[in-house]
């Protein structure tokens, strides 16, 4: 009994230390966030109304990322099914994550090559004749920033696709488990699993654009210290690579996932309906696993 009581006291002490540590981290994070907000307001918002919109977008994107993380945590706190469900969901999860890693590895290799091509195109192109652009952005800065923003856009697009897939393959089995007891809870898990992908996709896009806009604005302000304001038409010239990079990854992810989805669907139907004479998506057909993997990588990750 003494040993058990001593162990309980030690566990209570460790929990108290963890709570104290987490509360201290919360205080420190709040202070840093407050100081950062004051600095951002002084540097950007007070100088230009356009920056007010951008900084508001930045904080809105953070709020929606927090909401998406809360949704993911809410989903993961639900029961993940019994042993039979896991025997089906685990191969789907492993197949989906294996496919997405292989696909993104290939896509990002091509993205690196394309970023070098973009850099060469900007290096070899003729200089712009706009005097405002020449005043604030040198040719070397534009040559360097466009490929970088391209890679940042590609990374944000790939991250949103993987995050949506990661939550999707874990929400599926929880929907099946919840449907055994309550259809309402199953529908909530299902819709929130889809909401996570939609919210994190838009939040990462807004976050990436606003952060790069503010960073480039501060960089140009430091490069031209005598100017109080930076013309709004200058910074978007350096941000065109972000949209191109995000579209590049999204396009190939959708194409690759869609092709895999159709191939797995046709193969599973042929072997199941034609050869074996069993219904569609019958659990006796092993090819159904590949079909369901295709639904995840094509309809979830491919649409992000």
Protein backbone atom coordinates (compact mmCIF):
# COMPACT_ATOMS: atom_id res chain seq x y z
CA UNK A 1 0.00 0.00 0.00
CA UNK A 2 2.83 2.38 0.87
CA UNK A 3 4.44 1.70 -2.49
CA UNK A 4 1.14 2.31 -4.30
CA UNK A 5 0.52 5.52 -2.35
CA UNK A 6 4.05 6.69 -3.08
CA UNK A 7 3.59 5.98 -6.79
CA UNK A 8 0.32 7.92 -6.79
CA UNK A 9 2.01 10.87 -5.08
CA UNK A 10 4.79 10.82 -7.64
CA UNK A 11 2.28 10.69 -10.49
CA UNK A 12 0.38 13.65 -9.00
CA UNK A 13 3.64 15.58 -8.68
CA UNK A 14 4.58 14.84 -12.29
CA UNK A 15 1.12 15.91 -13.48
CA UNK A 16 1.45 19.13 -11.46
CA UNK A 17 4.87 19.82 -13.00
CA UNK A 18 3.52 19.15 -16.49
CA UNK A 19 0.58 21.49 -15.95
CA UNK A 20 2.85 24.17 -14.55
CA UNK A 21 5.23 23.78 -17.49
CA UNK A 22 2.40 23.92 -20.03
CA UNK A 23 0.93 27.02 -18.35
CA UNK A 24 4.35 28.68 -18.44
CA UNK A 25 4.67 27.88 -22.14
CA UNK A 26 1.21 29.35 -22.71
CA UNK A 27 2.21 32.57 -20.96
CA UNK A 28 5.46 32.83 -22.93
CA UNK A 29 3.66 32.14 -26.21
CA UNK A 30 1.02 34.77 -25.41
CA UNK A 31 3.69 37.37 -24.62
CA UNK A 32 5.62 36.62 -27.81
CA UNK A 33 2.44 36.72 -29.88
CA UNK A 34 1.48 40.07 -28.34
CA UNK A 35 4.91 41.57 -29.01
CA UNK A 36 4.85 40.21 -32.55
CA UNK A 37 1.40 41.71 -33.12
CA UNK A 38 2.60 45.12 -31.92
CA UNK A 39 5.64 44.93 -34.20
CA UNK A 40 3.54 43.90 -37.19
CA UNK A 41 1.06 46.69 -36.54
CA UNK A 42 3.80 49.29 -36.22
CA UNK A 43 5.72 48.09 -39.27
CA UNK A 44 2.91 47.27 -41.68
CA UNK A 45 -0.59 48.28 -40.66
CA UNK A 46 0.14 51.86 -39.66
CA UNK A 47 1.93 52.59 -42.94
CA UNK A 48 -0.53 51.46 -45.59
CA UNK A 49 -4.19 50.44 -45.71
CA UNK A 50 -3.34 47.62 -48.13
CA UNK A 51 -1.08 46.11 -45.49
CA UNK A 52 -3.98 46.22 -43.04
CA UNK A 53 -5.87 43.81 -45.28
CA UNK A 54 -2.83 41.55 -45.61
CA UNK A 55 -2.10 41.44 -41.88
CA UNK A 56 -5.79 40.74 -41.21
CA UNK A 57 -5.59 37.86 -43.69
CA UNK A 58 -2.52 36.57 -41.87
CA UNK A 59 -4.30 36.39 -38.52
CA UNK A 60 -7.45 34.95 -40.10
CA UNK A 61 -5.38 32.15 -41.65
CA UNK A 62 -3.86 31.37 -38.24
CA UNK A 63 -7.32 31.25 -36.67
CA UNK A 64 -8.56 28.81 -39.30
CA UNK A 65 -5.45 26.64 -38.95
CA UNK A 66 -6.16 26.43 -35.22
CA UNK A 67 -9.76 25.48 -36.03
CA UNK A 68 -8.58 22.76 -38.41
CA UNK A 69 -6.21 21.37 -35.77
CA UNK A 70 -9.07 21.34 -33.26
CA UNK A 71 -11.23 19.43 -35.75
CA UNK A 72 -8.43 16.89 -36.30
CA UNK A 73 -7.98 16.45 -32.54
CA UNK A 74 -11.75 16.00 -32.10
CA UNK A 75 -11.79 13.28 -34.77
CA UNK A 76 -8.75 11.47 -33.37
CA UNK A 77 -10.32 11.36 -29.89
CA UNK A 78 -13.11 9.13 -31.21
CA UNK A 79 -12.88 5.34 -31.02
CA UNK A 80 -10.90 3.87 -33.89
CA UNK A 81 -12.91 0.67 -34.31
CA UNK A 82 -12.51 -2.95 -33.30
CA UNK A 83 -9.95 -5.47 -34.52
CA UNK A 84 -11.91 -6.40 -37.66
CA UNK A 85 -12.21 -2.77 -38.70
CA UNK A 86 -8.51 -2.19 -38.13
CA UNK A 87 -7.65 -5.21 -40.27
CA UNK A 88 -9.34 -3.40 -43.16
CA UNK A 89 -8.41 0.21 -42.36
CA UNK A 90 -4.71 -0.37 -41.66
CA UNK A 91 -3.88 -1.66 -45.19
CA UNK A 92 -5.86 1.25 -46.67
CA UNK A 93 -3.94 3.70 -44.50
CA UNK A 94 -0.57 2.16 -45.34
CA UNK A 95 -1.35 2.01 -49.06
CA UNK A 96 -2.60 5.61 -49.17
CA UNK A 97 0.39 7.03 -47.32
CA UNK A 98 2.81 4.94 -49.36
CA UNK A 99 1.28 6.16 -52.61
CA UNK A 100 1.22 9.81 -51.55
CA UNK A 101 4.86 9.73 -50.43
CA UNK A 102 5.96 8.15 -53.72
CA UNK A 103 3.87 10.57 -55.76
CA UNK A 104 5.02 13.71 -53.94
CA UNK A 105 8.63 12.58 -54.08
CA UNK A 106 8.41 12.43 -57.87
CA UNK A 107 6.46 15.69 -58.13
CA UNK A 108 8.93 17.63 -55.99
CA UNK A 109 11.86 16.34 -58.05
CA UNK A 110 10.23 17.83 -61.13
CA UNK A 111 9.40 20.97 -59.14
CA UNK A 112 13.09 21.47 -58.32
CA UNK A 113 14.02 21.07 -61.98
CA UNK A 114 11.28 23.47 -63.04
CA UNK A 115 12.40 26.04 -60.45
CA UNK A 116 15.86 26.02 -62.02
CA UNK A 117 14.30 26.50 -65.45
CA UNK A 118 12.25 29.42 -64.13
CA UNK A 119 15.40 30.96 -62.67
CA UNK A 120 17.19 30.64 -66.02
CA UNK A 121 14.23 32.19 -67.84
CA UNK A 122 14.26 35.20 -65.53
CA UNK A 123 18.03 35.54 -65.76
CA UNK A 124 18.02 35.50 -69.57
CA UNK A 125 14.96 37.67 -70.08
CA UNK A 126 15.09 41.35 -71.02
CA UNK A 127 14.85 43.87 -68.21
CA UNK A 128 11.56 45.58 -67.43
CA UNK A 129 10.99 49.16 -68.53
CA UNK A 130 8.74 50.12 -65.61
CA UNK A 131 10.62 52.79 -63.62
CA UNK A 132 8.68 52.06 -60.42
CA UNK A 133 9.60 48.39 -60.54
CA UNK A 134 13.25 49.18 -61.33
CA UNK A 135 13.39 51.51 -58.34
CA UNK A 136 12.22 48.98 -55.77
CA UNK A 137 13.18 45.59 -57.23
CA UNK A 138 16.52 44.84 -58.83
CA UNK A 139 16.86 42.22 -61.52
CA UNK A 140 18.87 39.95 -59.21
CA UNK A 141 16.19 40.09 -56.52
CA UNK A 142 13.45 39.13 -58.95
CA UNK A 143 15.58 36.35 -60.43
CA UNK A 144 16.13 34.89 -56.95
CA UNK A 145 12.68 35.35 -55.42
CA UNK A 146 10.48 33.90 -58.18
CA UNK A 147 11.91 30.32 -57.95
CA UNK A 148 11.82 30.50 -54.14
CA UNK A 149 8.15 31.51 -54.08
CA UNK A 150 7.47 28.74 -56.60
CA UNK A 151 8.93 26.14 -54.24
CA UNK A 152 7.07 27.61 -51.25
CA UNK A 153 3.79 27.37 -53.15
CA UNK A 154 4.57 23.79 -54.13
CA UNK A 155 5.34 22.92 -50.50
CA UNK A 156 2.11 24.47 -49.19
CA UNK A 157 0.07 22.62 -51.80
CA UNK A 158 1.74 19.31 -51.02
CA UNK A 159 1.37 19.86 -47.28
CA UNK A 160 -2.35 20.56 -47.56
CA UNK A 161 -2.85 17.44 -49.68
CA UNK A 162 -0.96 15.20 -47.27
CA UNK A 163 -2.70 16.69 -44.22
CA UNK A 164 -6.11 16.08 -45.78
CA UNK A 165 -5.19 12.48 -46.62
CA UNK A 166 -3.70 11.87 -43.17
CA UNK A 167 -6.92 12.88 -41.43
CA UNK A 168 -9.13 11.16 -44.01
CA UNK A 169 -7.64 7.68 -43.62
CA UNK A 170 -8.02 7.97 -39.84
CA UNK A 171 -11.53 9.40 -39.93
CA UNK A 172 -12.89 6.59 -42.12
CA UNK A 173 -12.61 3.85 -39.50
CA UNK A 174 -13.98 6.16 -36.82
CA UNK A 175 -17.04 6.85 -38.97
CA UNK A 176 -17.62 3.09 -39.29
CA UNK A 177 -17.24 2.62 -35.54
CA UNK A 178 -19.59 5.51 -34.71
CA UNK A 179 -22.22 4.19 -37.16
CA UNK A 180 -22.62 1.09 -34.98
CA UNK A 181 -24.11 3.16 -32.17
CA UNK A 182 -25.18 6.59 -33.48
CA UNK A 183 -25.73 7.73 -37.07
CA UNK A 184 -25.62 11.39 -36.02
CA UNK A 185 -22.13 11.03 -34.58
CA UNK A 186 -21.00 9.14 -37.68
CA UNK A 187 -22.24 11.97 -39.92
CA UNK A 188 -20.49 14.56 -37.74
CA UNK A 189 -17.17 12.71 -37.94
CA UNK A 190 -17.62 12.29 -41.69
CA UNK A 191 -18.37 15.95 -42.37
CA UNK A 192 -15.69 17.25 -40.04
CA UNK A 193 -13.14 14.99 -41.68
CA UNK A 194 -13.97 16.64 -44.99
CA UNK A 195 -14.09 20.09 -43.40
CA UNK A 196 -10.52 19.67 -42.16
CA UNK A 197 -9.21 19.22 -45.71
CA UNK A 198 -11.13 22.23 -46.99
CA UNK A 199 -10.13 24.54 -44.13
CA UNK A 200 -6.44 23.60 -44.02
CA UNK A 201 -6.21 24.00 -47.80
CA UNK A 202 -7.53 27.57 -47.81
CA UNK A 203 -5.72 28.48 -44.57
CA UNK A 204 -2.33 27.39 -45.91
CA UNK A 205 -2.89 29.33 -49.14
CA UNK A 206 -3.78 32.53 -47.28
CA UNK A 207 -1.00 31.99 -44.75
CA UNK A 208 1.66 31.47 -47.41
CA UNK A 209 0.64 34.48 -49.49
CA UNK A 210 0.28 36.85 -46.53
CA UNK A 211 3.57 35.79 -44.92
CA UNK A 212 5.49 36.20 -48.16
CA UNK A 213 3.81 39.54 -48.86
CA UNK A 214 4.77 40.89 -45.44
CA UNK A 215 8.30 39.46 -45.66
CA UNK A 216 8.86 40.98 -49.11
CA UNK A 217 7.38 44.28 -47.97
CA UNK A 218 9.81 44.40 -45.05
CA UNK A 219 12.71 43.38 -47.30
CA UNK A 220 11.95 46.15 -49.80
CA UNK A 221 11.56 48.68 -46.98
CA UNK A 222 15.03 47.75 -45.74
CA UNK A 223 16.46 47.88 -49.27
CA UNK A 224 15.00 51.35 -49.90
CA UNK A 225 15.12 52.94 -46.43
CA UNK A 226 14.22 56.47 -47.54
CA UNK A 227 10.80 55.41 -48.83
CA UNK A 228 7.94 55.42 -46.34
CA UNK A 229 5.64 53.29 -48.48
CA UNK A 230 6.10 50.58 -51.08
CA UNK A 231 3.76 50.69 -54.12
CA UNK A 232 1.25 47.87 -54.00
CA UNK A 233 1.88 46.85 -57.61
CA UNK A 234 5.50 45.93 -56.87
CA UNK A 235 5.18 43.04 -54.41
CA UNK A 236 2.76 40.84 -56.43
CA UNK A 237 5.42 40.62 -59.15
CA UNK A 238 7.45 38.53 -56.71
CA UNK A 239 4.47 36.39 -55.63
CA UNK A 240 3.48 34.96 -59.02
CA UNK A 241 5.68 31.93 -58.37
CA UNK A 242 3.58 30.92 -55.35
CA UNK A 243 0.43 30.34 -57.36
CA UNK A 244 2.37 28.61 -60.11
CA UNK A 245 4.04 26.23 -57.64
CA UNK A 246 0.78 25.42 -55.85
CA UNK A 247 -1.00 24.79 -59.15
CA UNK A 248 1.88 22.64 -60.41
CA UNK A 249 1.73 20.25 -57.46
CA UNK A 250 -2.08 20.23 -57.30
CA UNK A 251 -2.39 19.46 -61.01
CA UNK A 252 -0.05 16.48 -60.95
CA UNK A 253 -1.46 15.22 -57.65
CA UNK A 254 -4.96 15.28 -59.12
CA UNK A 255 -3.83 13.63 -62.35
CA UNK A 256 -1.80 10.94 -60.59
CA UNK A 257 -4.45 10.24 -57.99
CA UNK A 258 -7.22 10.21 -60.60
CA UNK A 259 -5.38 7.79 -62.87
CA UNK A 260 -4.64 5.47 -59.95
CA UNK A 261 -8.26 5.68 -58.79
CA UNK A 262 -9.65 4.70 -62.18
CA UNK A 263 -7.08 1.94 -62.70
CA UNK A 264 -7.82 0.41 -59.29
CA UNK A 265 -11.58 0.78 -59.78
CA UNK A 266 -11.57 -0.90 -63.20
CA UNK A 267 -9.23 -3.66 -62.01
CA UNK A 268 -11.28 -4.40 -58.90
CA UNK A 269 -14.54 -4.48 -60.88
CA UNK A 270 -13.10 -6.78 -63.55
CA UNK A 271 -11.65 -9.28 -61.13
CA UNK A 272 -14.67 -9.14 -58.84
CA UNK A 273 -17.72 -8.92 -61.09
CA UNK A 274 -16.44 -10.60 -64.25
CA UNK A 275 -13.99 -13.21 -63.00
CA UNK A 276 -15.28 -14.13 -59.53
CA UNK A 277 -18.94 -13.14 -59.93
CA UNK A 278 -19.11 -11.27 -56.62
CA UNK A 279 -20.70 -7.83 -56.03
CA UNK A 280 -18.83 -4.55 -56.21
CA UNK A 281 -16.72 -3.65 -53.15
CA UNK A 282 -17.22 -7.13 -51.73
CA UNK A 283 -14.85 -7.76 -48.79
CA UNK A 284 -13.88 -11.12 -50.29
CA UNK A 285 -12.16 -9.28 -53.14
CA UNK A 286 -8.62 -8.20 -52.13
CA UNK A 287 -8.55 -5.66 -54.98
CA UNK A 288 -11.12 -3.61 -53.05
CA UNK A 289 -8.25 -2.44 -50.81
CA UNK A 290 -6.53 -0.88 -53.84
CA UNK A 291 -9.85 0.61 -54.93
CA UNK A 292 -10.38 2.25 -51.54
CA UNK A 293 -6.78 3.49 -51.51
CA UNK A 294 -7.55 5.14 -54.84
CA UNK A 295 -10.62 6.83 -53.38
CA UNK A 296 -8.42 8.41 -50.70
CA UNK A 297 -5.52 9.51 -52.88
CA UNK A 298 -7.74 10.65 -55.75
CA UNK A 299 -10.76 12.19 -54.05
CA UNK A 300 -9.10 13.46 -50.85
CA UNK A 301 -5.45 14.31 -51.53
CA UNK A 302 -5.98 14.89 -55.25
CA UNK A 303 -8.59 17.58 -54.69
CA UNK A 304 -6.37 19.59 -52.33
